[in-house]
Amino acid sequence: MMIMDRFRQAGAWLAKRSVASSIVILFFGFSAVQEFQRHGRWQTNNVLEWDIEAYYHYLPAAIIHGDIRDLSYVYHVDSLLHPEGHIGFELHVHPLTDHHVIKYTMGTAVFELPLFLVAHSYALLSGSYPADGYSCPYQIAVALSSALFAMLGFWILGRFIRRRATERDTCVALIAIGFGTNLFFYSTFNAGMSHAYLFFLFAAVLLLTDNLFRDPRRSTACWLGLTIGLTVLVRPVDGLVVLIPLLWSARSAPGTLNALSIARRRPSLIITTLFVTALTMLPQLAYWFQTTGNALYYSYLEEGFDFTSPHIIDGLFSYRKGWFVYTPLAGAGVIGLLLMLFDRDQRRMAIPVVIFLAVFCFVVFSWTNWWYGGSFGCRPLVSALALLGLPIAHLSRSLFERHWTLWLAFVLVIAGGIKLNMYQQNQYRRGKIHWDSMTKEAYWKVLNEDY
């Protein structure tokens, strides 16, 4: 009984102090920096390569080289950085204008801009590195940008979760997502991809949506419009996150407040959100017009969707890239969502997430390259991890209320999931988990030999 009482007292103490989640976030940042130092990819100029470099080209092209339409300098830079190949990766020449077009939209580069400017200033003032946009300071800036915005995403997500959960359960959710999923991989070893920024944006959509329904203000509508617009600018398909505010509902004095009732009572808020969203995307339209002659342009060429043959089961359960295989703790979020659906007070927040995940999985796994090339685990669903924060916290609370031993068992499961996640990421970096072609036999061979 004494152990149980002390455990409960410790839980109550933790629940009263929001500093605990701040420590979790800071530890995530510390761990990210440690991971950067351990793999040292910035020292060998290997941060900016493949897709990461293609996302990034907008910044040096516009700010340093003044060559946003032709990118003629890229081939020379690539021949120095990547003599083994992938020169001019994901660039193509438009057949009518003869300008080079970057395959990816510019949203990721927008998030990399602040630290890019710091790196460029350092390169210019120190004279120790070429101020060309690709030397060591710029590599470090790109690597740190992902971790920085992942931390900001956790801070925002923590604020949202704490409105409906204790600090104890908030910390459980942040730890599970931060260290038990492939978000850590895309915030450290594969920093510079779009996923850490999308995680930040999805968390922001949650908090801003909740703010707007709690207190409908034009300033909040502006921020929500900016966030949705940036999401589209980073990865257009993730713009489906607009389903969250469209399906959200909140209790109000006259009854239930939803998007339709806001549109009737305060149409200016909807107009403001749509206007700011559209305004945010103007730079991309201007870029396409400059390079192709058209404001709207499909830069993925032969790639596309096949909605008649979605690979949902493969995307979730296959050994090639299955979400629940390489990110098993996502299952805790799904269980938490199911529990929320059976809770009258929580159901209104679970329904938008359930509908979004169903639609989102159908769309992303209808992509012809449904495994999304060289990647660790199911990378298109990294952004959606933000939506599982509250469900994981709800599951934690439900187990603690039933009995503290159940909660402790859940914590041990999360610890095991974190260990497995870090092990798999390390095996991926070592090349034992293949970037593209894993099978059931190969997966279990790696697990049985080394785990």
Protein backbone atom coordinates (compact mmCIF):
# COMPACT_ATOMS: atom_id res chain seq x y z
CA MET A 1 0.00 0.00 0.00
CA MET A 2 2.86 2.38 0.78
CA ILE A 3 4.31 1.92 -2.72
CA MET A 4 0.89 2.50 -4.27
CA ASP A 5 0.33 5.67 -2.23
CA ARG A 6 3.73 7.05 -3.14
CA PHE A 7 3.13 6.26 -6.78
CA ARG A 8 -0.19 8.08 -6.69
CA GLN A 9 1.36 11.05 -4.92
CA ALA A 10 4.10 11.21 -7.54
CA GLY A 11 1.48 11.07 -10.30
CA ALA A 12 -0.54 13.85 -8.65
CA TRP A 13 2.59 15.99 -8.23
CA LEU A 14 3.50 15.48 -11.89
CA ALA A 15 -0.04 16.26 -13.03
CA LYS A 16 0.02 19.68 -11.38
CA ARG A 17 3.21 20.96 -13.03
CA SER A 18 3.43 21.81 -16.72
CA VAL A 19 7.21 21.96 -16.44
CA ALA A 20 7.36 18.21 -16.97
CA SER A 21 6.29 18.39 -20.62
CA SER A 22 8.79 21.21 -21.16
CA ILE A 23 11.53 18.91 -19.91
CA VAL A 24 10.37 16.22 -22.34
CA ILE A 25 10.55 18.69 -25.24
CA LEU A 26 13.98 19.94 -24.22
CA PHE A 27 15.20 16.36 -23.89
CA PHE A 28 13.94 15.68 -27.41
CA GLY A 29 16.02 18.62 -28.65
CA PHE A 30 19.07 17.46 -26.69
CA SER A 31 18.69 13.94 -28.09
CA ALA A 32 18.38 15.34 -31.61
CA VAL A 33 21.62 17.30 -31.26
CA GLN A 34 23.34 14.20 -29.87
CA GLU A 35 22.10 12.24 -32.88
CA PHE A 36 23.44 14.92 -35.27
CA GLN A 37 26.85 14.69 -33.65
CA ARG A 38 26.79 10.90 -33.70
CA HIS A 39 26.10 10.44 -37.40
CA GLY A 40 27.99 13.60 -38.46
CA ARG A 41 26.41 13.78 -41.91
CA TRP A 42 26.90 17.53 -42.03
CA GLN A 43 30.66 17.03 -41.82
CA THR A 44 30.67 15.09 -45.10
CA ASN A 45 28.07 17.32 -46.82
CA ASN A 46 25.57 14.47 -46.88
CA VAL A 47 22.64 16.34 -45.36
CA LEU A 48 21.74 17.99 -48.64
CA GLU A 49 21.19 15.09 -50.98
CA TRP A 50 18.36 13.46 -52.93
CA ASP A 51 14.90 14.84 -52.06
CA ILE A 52 16.25 17.02 -49.25
CA GLU A 53 18.43 18.97 -51.68
CA ALA A 54 15.56 19.36 -54.14
CA TYR A 55 13.31 20.83 -51.43
CA TYR A 56 16.09 23.23 -50.49
CA HIS A 57 17.20 24.57 -53.91
CA TYR A 58 14.75 27.48 -53.72
CA LEU A 59 16.81 29.28 -51.06
CA PRO A 60 20.31 29.42 -52.58
CA ALA A 61 18.82 29.86 -56.06
CA ALA A 62 16.81 32.94 -55.06
CA ILE A 63 19.02 34.51 -52.38
CA ILE A 64 22.59 33.68 -53.38
CA HIS A 65 22.79 32.70 -57.05
CA GLY A 66 19.89 34.71 -58.52
CA ASP A 67 19.11 31.80 -60.79
CA ILE A 68 15.67 30.57 -59.75
CA ARG A 69 14.51 29.77 -63.30
CA ASP A 70 17.51 27.96 -64.78
CA LEU A 71 19.42 26.59 -61.76
CA SER A 72 22.52 26.32 -63.93
CA TYR A 73 24.82 26.36 -60.89
CA VAL A 74 23.23 23.20 -59.43
CA TYR A 75 25.03 20.81 -61.75
CA HIS A 76 28.43 22.22 -60.80
CA VAL A 77 27.61 22.09 -57.07
CA ASP A 78 26.27 18.54 -57.37
CA SER A 79 29.38 17.35 -59.22
CA LEU A 80 31.42 18.49 -56.19
CA LEU A 81 29.05 17.31 -53.45
CA HIS A 82 27.86 14.11 -55.08
CA PRO A 83 30.49 12.83 -57.52
CA GLU A 84 28.91 9.37 -57.27
CA GLY A 85 25.73 10.56 -58.97
CA HIS A 86 22.19 12.02 -58.47
CA ILE A 87 23.24 15.27 -60.15
CA GLY A 88 20.28 17.58 -60.70
CA PHE A 89 17.97 15.17 -58.88
CA GLU A 90 14.23 15.98 -59.20
CA LEU A 91 14.81 18.85 -61.63
CA HIS A 92 13.37 18.76 -65.12
CA VAL A 93 13.37 21.10 -68.10
CA HIS A 94 10.02 22.45 -69.17
CA PRO A 95 9.61 21.63 -72.89
CA LEU A 96 8.13 25.03 -73.85
CA THR A 97 10.13 27.49 -71.75
CA ASP A 98 13.43 25.55 -71.44
CA HIS A 99 13.56 26.59 -67.77
CA HIS A 100 14.39 24.11 -65.03
CA VAL A 101 11.51 23.29 -62.72
CA ILE A 102 11.88 21.94 -59.18
CA LYS A 103 9.60 18.97 -58.63
CA TYR A 104 8.65 19.91 -55.07
CA THR A 105 6.75 22.93 -53.81
CA MET A 106 8.62 25.55 -51.79
CA GLY A 107 7.03 25.10 -48.35
CA THR A 108 9.92 23.14 -46.85
CA ALA A 109 12.36 25.85 -48.00
CA VAL A 110 10.18 28.48 -46.29
CA PHE A 111 10.71 26.72 -42.95
CA GLU A 112 14.42 26.37 -43.60
CA LEU A 113 14.78 30.09 -44.39
CA PRO A 114 15.45 31.44 -40.84
CA LEU A 115 18.46 29.22 -40.10
CA PHE A 116 19.58 29.48 -43.73
CA LEU A 117 19.98 33.23 -43.23
CA VAL A 118 21.95 32.61 -40.04
CA ALA A 119 24.22 30.16 -41.87
CA HIS A 120 24.67 32.52 -44.82
CA SER A 121 25.58 35.42 -42.51
CA TYR A 122 28.12 33.24 -40.74
CA ALA A 123 29.67 32.06 -44.00
CA LEU A 124 29.98 35.64 -45.25
CA LEU A 125 31.36 37.10 -42.03
CA SER A 126 33.72 34.29 -41.04
CA GLY A 127 35.15 33.59 -44.47
CA SER A 128 35.84 30.03 -43.30
CA TYR A 129 33.36 28.40 -45.67
CA PRO A 130 32.13 29.12 -49.20
CA ALA A 131 28.98 31.26 -49.06
CA ASP A 132 27.42 29.17 -51.82
CA GLY A 133 24.42 27.79 -49.94
CA TYR A 134 25.73 24.22 -49.74
CA SER A 135 28.83 24.25 -47.55
CA CYS A 136 29.02 23.02 -43.95
CA PRO A 137 27.12 25.88 -42.19
CA TYR A 138 24.15 25.45 -44.54
CA GLN A 139 24.15 21.68 -44.01
CA ILE A 140 24.00 22.24 -40.25
CA ALA A 141 21.22 24.82 -40.65
CA VAL A 142 19.05 22.40 -42.61
CA ALA A 143 19.65 19.62 -40.07
CA LEU A 144 18.79 21.82 -37.10
CA SER A 145 15.70 23.33 -38.76
CA SER A 146 13.84 20.04 -38.68
CA ALA A 147 14.56 19.43 -35.00
CA LEU A 148 13.65 23.02 -34.13
CA PHE A 149 10.22 22.86 -35.73
CA ALA A 150 9.60 19.38 -34.34
CA MET A 151 10.22 20.84 -30.87
CA LEU A 152 7.86 23.73 -31.61
CA GLY A 153 5.30 21.19 -32.80
CA PHE A 154 5.60 19.34 -29.49
CA TRP A 155 5.19 22.59 -27.56
CA ILE A 156 2.00 23.42 -29.49
CA LEU A 157 0.69 19.86 -29.21
CA GLY A 158 1.39 19.87 -25.48
CA ARG A 159 -0.65 23.05 -25.06
CA PHE A 160 -3.56 21.46 -26.91
CA ILE A 161 -3.45 18.17 -24.98
CA ARG A 162 -3.19 19.84 -21.57
CA ARG A 163 -6.60 21.44 -22.10
CA ARG A 164 -8.14 17.98 -21.81
CA ALA A 165 -5.57 15.83 -20.01
CA THR A 166 -3.26 15.94 -17.04
CA GLU A 167 0.40 16.79 -17.31
CA ARG A 168 1.19 13.14 -16.62
CA ASP A 169 -0.81 11.96 -19.62
CA THR A 170 0.48 14.80 -21.79
CA CYS A 171 4.05 13.70 -21.08
CA VAL A 172 3.19 10.10 -21.92
CA ALA A 173 1.81 11.19 -25.30
CA LEU A 174 4.77 13.45 -26.12
CA ILE A 175 7.32 10.79 -25.14
CA ALA A 176 5.55 8.11 -27.18
CA ILE A 177 5.38 10.27 -30.30
CA GLY A 178 8.77 11.94 -29.91
CA PHE A 179 10.86 8.84 -29.29
CA GLY A 180 8.65 5.91 -30.29
CA THR A 181 7.88 6.88 -33.90
CA ASN A 182 9.79 7.68 -37.07
CA LEU A 183 9.29 11.40 -36.39
CA PHE A 184 12.61 11.23 -34.54
CA PHE A 185 14.30 9.80 -37.65
CA TYR A 186 12.93 12.59 -39.87
CA SER A 187 13.95 15.20 -37.32
CA THR A 188 17.54 13.97 -37.07
CA PHE A 189 19.19 11.56 -39.49
CA ASN A 190 16.89 12.44 -42.38
CA ALA A 191 16.37 16.06 -41.38
CA GLY A 192 15.46 18.34 -44.26
CA MET A 193 12.52 16.29 -45.45
CA SER A 194 9.06 17.84 -45.15
CA HIS A 195 7.72 15.68 -42.34
CA ALA A 196 8.91 17.49 -39.21
CA TYR A 197 7.48 20.74 -40.57
CA LEU A 198 4.18 19.03 -41.36
CA PHE A 199 4.04 17.64 -37.84
CA PHE A 200 4.43 21.20 -36.56
CA LEU A 201 1.70 22.43 -38.90
CA PHE A 202 -0.76 19.66 -37.99
CA ALA A 203 -0.26 20.44 -34.30
CA ALA A 204 -0.84 24.12 -35.06
CA VAL A 205 -4.05 23.33 -36.97
CA LEU A 206 -5.34 21.43 -33.91
CA LEU A 207 -4.60 24.24 -31.47
CA LEU A 208 -5.82 27.05 -33.75
CA THR A 209 -9.00 25.19 -34.61
CA ASP A 210 -9.73 24.71 -30.94
CA ASN A 211 -8.96 28.38 -30.28
CA LEU A 212 -11.26 29.50 -33.08
CA PHE A 213 -14.18 27.44 -31.80
CA ARG A 214 -13.59 28.53 -28.22
CA ASP A 215 -13.34 32.22 -29.08
CA PRO A 216 -14.09 33.08 -32.75
CA ARG A 217 -11.71 35.91 -33.66
CA ARG A 218 -10.45 37.22 -36.98
CA SER A 219 -6.83 37.06 -35.82
CA THR A 220 -7.21 33.35 -35.08
CA ALA A 221 -8.84 32.85 -38.49
CA CYS A 222 -5.82 34.54 -40.09
CA TRP A 223 -3.38 32.25 -38.30
CA LEU A 224 -5.43 29.19 -39.21
CA GLY A 225 -5.54 30.26 -42.85
CA LEU A 226 -1.77 30.81 -42.84
CA THR A 227 -1.19 27.38 -41.29
CA ILE A 228 -3.39 25.58 -43.80
CA GLY A 229 -1.80 27.51 -46.66
CA LEU A 230 1.70 26.59 -45.48
CA THR A 231 0.64 22.96 -45.19
CA VAL A 232 -0.42 22.95 -48.84
CA LEU A 233 2.80 24.75 -49.73
CA VAL A 234 4.90 22.08 -47.98
CA ARG A 235 3.01 19.04 -49.30
CA PRO A 236 -0.22 19.64 -51.22
CA VAL A 237 -1.90 16.35 -50.30
CA ASP A 238 -1.53 17.20 -46.60
CA GLY A 239 -3.88 20.10 -47.25
CA LEU A 240 -6.56 17.53 -46.43
CA VAL A 241 -5.94 18.60 -42.83
CA VAL A 242 -8.58 21.24 -43.59
CA LEU A 243 -11.03 18.46 -42.72
CA ILE A 244 -10.16 18.97 -39.04
CA PRO A 245 -11.61 22.52 -38.77
CA LEU A 246 -14.42 21.66 -41.19
CA LEU A 247 -15.57 18.74 -39.01
CA TRP A 248 -14.75 20.22 -35.60
CA SER A 249 -17.49 21.00 -33.09
CA ALA A 250 -17.57 22.65 -29.69
CA ARG A 251 -20.12 23.26 -27.01
CA SER A 252 -21.46 26.78 -26.77
CA ALA A 253 -24.20 28.51 -24.80
CA PRO A 254 -26.85 28.30 -27.55
CA GLY A 255 -25.88 24.72 -28.47
CA THR A 256 -23.17 23.10 -30.57
CA LEU A 257 -20.77 25.29 -32.51
CA ASN A 258 -19.43 23.87 -35.79
CA ALA A 259 -18.07 25.16 -39.09
CA LEU A 260 -21.55 25.59 -40.54
CA SER A 261 -22.81 27.60 -37.58
CA ILE A 262 -19.69 29.81 -37.69
CA ALA A 263 -20.28 30.37 -41.41
CA ARG A 264 -23.83 31.50 -40.63
CA ARG A 265 -23.02 33.67 -37.61
CA ARG A 266 -19.59 35.01 -38.63
CA PRO A 267 -19.08 34.52 -42.39
CA SER A 268 -16.19 36.98 -42.30
CA LEU A 269 -14.13 34.41 -40.37
CA ILE A 270 -14.52 31.83 -43.12
CA ILE A 271 -13.71 34.42 -45.79
CA THR A 272 -10.64 35.54 -43.85
CA THR A 273 -9.37 31.98 -43.47
CA LEU A 274 -9.85 31.22 -47.17
CA PHE A 275 -8.27 34.52 -48.23
CA VAL A 276 -5.14 34.05 -46.12
CA THR A 277 -4.84 30.43 -47.25
CA ALA A 278 -4.93 31.50 -50.91
CA LEU A 279 -2.55 34.40 -50.26
CA THR A 280 0.01 32.04 -48.72
CA MET A 281 0.19 30.00 -51.91
CA LEU A 282 0.82 32.95 -54.24
CA PRO A 283 4.66 32.62 -54.18
CA GLN A 284 4.40 29.07 -55.53
CA LEU A 285 2.03 30.16 -58.28
CA ALA A 286 4.42 32.98 -59.18
CA TYR A 287 7.33 30.51 -59.37
CA TRP A 288 5.42 28.17 -61.67
CA PHE A 289 4.39 31.08 -63.87
CA GLN A 290 8.01 32.22 -64.15
CA THR A 291 9.33 28.77 -65.04
CA THR A 292 6.48 27.22 -67.04
CA GLY A 293 4.28 30.10 -68.19
CA ASN A 294 1.34 28.74 -66.19
CA ALA A 295 0.32 29.64 -62.65
CA LEU A 296 -0.84 26.07 -62.03
CA TYR A 297 1.52 23.28 -62.98
CA TYR A 298 1.72 19.58 -62.15
CA SER A 299 5.41 19.09 -61.45
CA TYR A 300 5.27 15.35 -60.73
CA LEU A 301 4.88 14.55 -64.45
CA GLU A 302 4.23 10.78 -64.87
CA GLU A 303 3.64 10.12 -61.16
CA GLY A 304 0.13 10.30 -59.79
CA PHE A 305 -2.78 8.64 -57.99
CA ASP A 306 -4.69 5.50 -58.85
CA PHE A 307 -7.83 5.73 -56.74
CA THR A 308 -9.15 2.46 -58.17
CA SER A 309 -6.34 0.44 -56.54
CA PRO A 310 -5.41 1.88 -53.13
CA HIS A 311 -2.78 -0.01 -51.12
CA ILE A 312 -4.23 0.71 -47.67
CA ILE A 313 -3.48 -2.73 -46.18
CA ASP A 314 0.07 -2.63 -47.59
CA GLY A 315 0.60 0.90 -46.31
CA LEU A 316 -0.52 0.00 -42.80
CA PHE A 317 0.64 -3.58 -42.30
CA SER A 318 3.21 -4.64 -44.92
CA TYR A 319 6.82 -5.40 -44.04
CA ARG A 320 7.84 -3.15 -46.91
CA LYS A 321 6.72 0.10 -45.27
CA GLY A 322 3.75 -0.70 -43.02
CA TRP A 323 2.85 2.02 -40.53
CA PHE A 324 2.04 -0.41 -37.70
CA VAL A 325 5.13 -2.54 -38.45
CA TYR A 326 7.71 0.26 -38.25
CA THR A 327 5.71 2.55 -35.94
CA PRO A 328 3.79 0.13 -33.71
CA LEU A 329 3.09 2.79 -31.07
CA ALA A 330 0.75 4.43 -33.59
CA GLY A 331 -1.54 1.58 -32.57
CA ALA A 332 -1.83 3.16 -29.11
CA GLY A 333 -3.22 6.28 -30.76
CA VAL A 334 -5.75 4.23 -32.72
CA ILE A 335 -6.88 2.45 -29.53
CA GLY A 336 -7.18 5.82 -27.82
CA LEU A 337 -9.31 7.09 -30.70
CA LEU A 338 -11.67 4.13 -30.35
CA LEU A 339 -12.00 4.80 -26.62
CA MET A 340 -12.75 8.46 -27.34
CA LEU A 341 -15.53 7.46 -29.73
CA PHE A 342 -17.27 5.68 -26.84
CA ASP A 343 -16.83 8.67 -24.53
CA ARG A 344 -19.62 11.22 -24.94
CA ASP A 345 -17.41 14.12 -23.90
CA GLN A 346 -14.52 13.15 -26.18
CA ARG A 347 -16.43 11.88 -29.22
CA ARG A 348 -16.76 15.26 -30.92
CA MET A 349 -12.95 15.57 -31.03
CA ALA A 350 -12.38 11.98 -32.13
CA ILE A 351 -14.76 12.01 -35.09
CA PRO A 352 -12.84 14.63 -37.16
CA VAL A 353 -9.58 12.73 -36.62
CA VAL A 354 -11.12 9.36 -37.54
CA ILE A 355 -12.65 10.77 -40.73
CA PHE A 356 -9.43 12.57 -41.64
CA LEU A 357 -7.30 9.45 -41.14
CA ALA A 358 -9.68 7.36 -43.24
CA VAL A 359 -9.64 9.86 -46.12
CA PHE A 360 -5.93 10.58 -45.77
CA CYS A 361 -4.91 6.92 -45.79
CA PHE A 362 -7.07 6.28 -48.85
CA VAL A 363 -5.45 9.17 -50.72
CA VAL A 364 -1.79 8.70 -49.74
CA PHE A 365 -1.89 4.96 -50.35
CA SER A 366 -3.50 5.49 -53.74
CA TRP A 367 -0.24 7.06 -54.91
CA THR A 368 1.27 4.78 -57.54
CA ASN A 369 4.54 4.68 -55.57
CA TRP A 370 2.61 3.94 -52.36
CA TRP A 371 5.78 2.98 -50.41
CA TYR A 372 7.22 6.46 -51.17
CA GLY A 373 10.66 5.47 -52.34
CA GLY A 374 13.71 5.41 -50.11
CA SER A 375 12.49 5.99 -46.57
CA PHE A 376 12.26 4.54 -43.11
CA GLY A 377 8.78 3.27 -42.37
CA CYS A 378 5.62 5.00 -43.50
CA ARG A 379 6.75 8.58 -43.95
CA PRO A 380 3.51 10.11 -45.37
CA LEU A 381 1.78 9.52 -42.02
CA VAL A 382 4.41 11.25 -39.86
CA SER A 383 2.38 14.46 -39.94
CA ALA A 384 -0.72 12.62 -38.71
CA LEU A 385 1.11 11.61 -35.52
CA ALA A 386 0.18 15.03 -34.13
CA LEU A 387 -3.47 14.02 -34.33
CA LEU A 388 -2.78 10.96 -32.17
CA GLY A 389 -1.41 12.97 -29.24
CA LEU A 390 -4.74 13.49 -27.48
CA PRO A 391 -5.91 9.88 -28.10
CA ILE A 392 -2.69 8.51 -26.54
CA ALA A 393 -3.17 10.84 -23.56
CA HIS A 394 -6.79 9.70 -23.29
CA LEU A 395 -5.70 6.05 -23.29
CA SER A 396 -3.14 6.84 -20.59
CA ARG A 397 -5.77 8.53 -18.45
CA SER A 398 -8.29 5.72 -18.93
CA LEU A 399 -5.79 3.07 -17.84
CA PHE A 400 -4.65 5.11 -14.82
CA GLU A 401 -8.25 5.59 -13.69
CA ARG A 402 -8.90 1.84 -13.91
CA HIS A 403 -5.79 0.91 -11.95
CA TRP A 404 -2.30 2.31 -11.65
CA THR A 405 -0.80 -1.08 -12.55
CA LEU A 406 -2.51 -0.95 -15.95
CA TRP A 407 -1.02 2.48 -16.53
CA LEU A 408 2.41 1.21 -15.48
CA ALA A 409 2.07 -1.67 -17.93
CA PHE A 410 1.20 0.85 -20.65
CA VAL A 411 4.30 2.88 -19.81
CA LEU A 412 6.39 -0.27 -20.11
CA VAL A 413 4.83 -0.98 -23.52
CA ILE A 414 5.79 2.53 -24.62
CA ALA A 415 9.32 1.97 -23.35
CA GLY A 416 9.50 -1.23 -25.38
CA GLY A 417 8.15 0.58 -28.42
CA ILE A 418 10.80 3.28 -28.05
CA LYS A 419 13.56 0.68 -27.79
CA LEU A 420 12.25 -1.10 -30.90
CA ASN A 421 11.92 2.17 -32.79
CA MET A 422 15.47 3.27 -32.03
CA TYR A 423 16.80 -0.18 -32.89
CA GLN A 424 15.01 -0.21 -36.24
CA GLN A 425 16.23 3.26 -37.08
CA ASN A 426 19.79 2.23 -36.29
CA GLN A 427 19.42 -0.88 -38.45
CA TYR A 428 18.07 1.27 -41.28
CA ARG A 429 21.08 3.59 -41.06
CA ARG A 430 23.37 0.55 -41.17
CA GLY A 431 21.61 -0.71 -44.29
CA LYS A 432 20.21 -3.85 -42.67
CA ILE A 433 16.64 -2.60 -43.09
CA HIS A 434 16.38 -1.88 -46.79
CA TRP A 435 15.23 1.57 -47.85
CA ASP A 436 12.82 0.24 -50.46
CA SER A 437 12.40 -3.53 -50.62
CA MET A 438 11.98 -5.11 -47.18
CA THR A 439 10.17 -8.44 -46.92
CA LYS A 440 8.77 -10.42 -43.99
CA GLU A 441 11.66 -12.86 -44.16
CA ALA A 442 14.30 -10.12 -44.28
CA TYR A 443 12.65 -8.20 -41.41
CA TRP A 444 12.56 -11.15 -39.02
CA LYS A 445 16.05 -12.21 -40.00
CA VAL A 446 17.37 -8.81 -38.96
CA LEU A 447 15.31 -8.84 -35.76
CA ASN A 448 16.29 -12.36 -34.73
CA GLU A 449 19.99 -11.89 -35.48
CA ASP A 450 20.65 -8.59 -33.79
CA TYR A 451 17.85 -7.52 -31.46
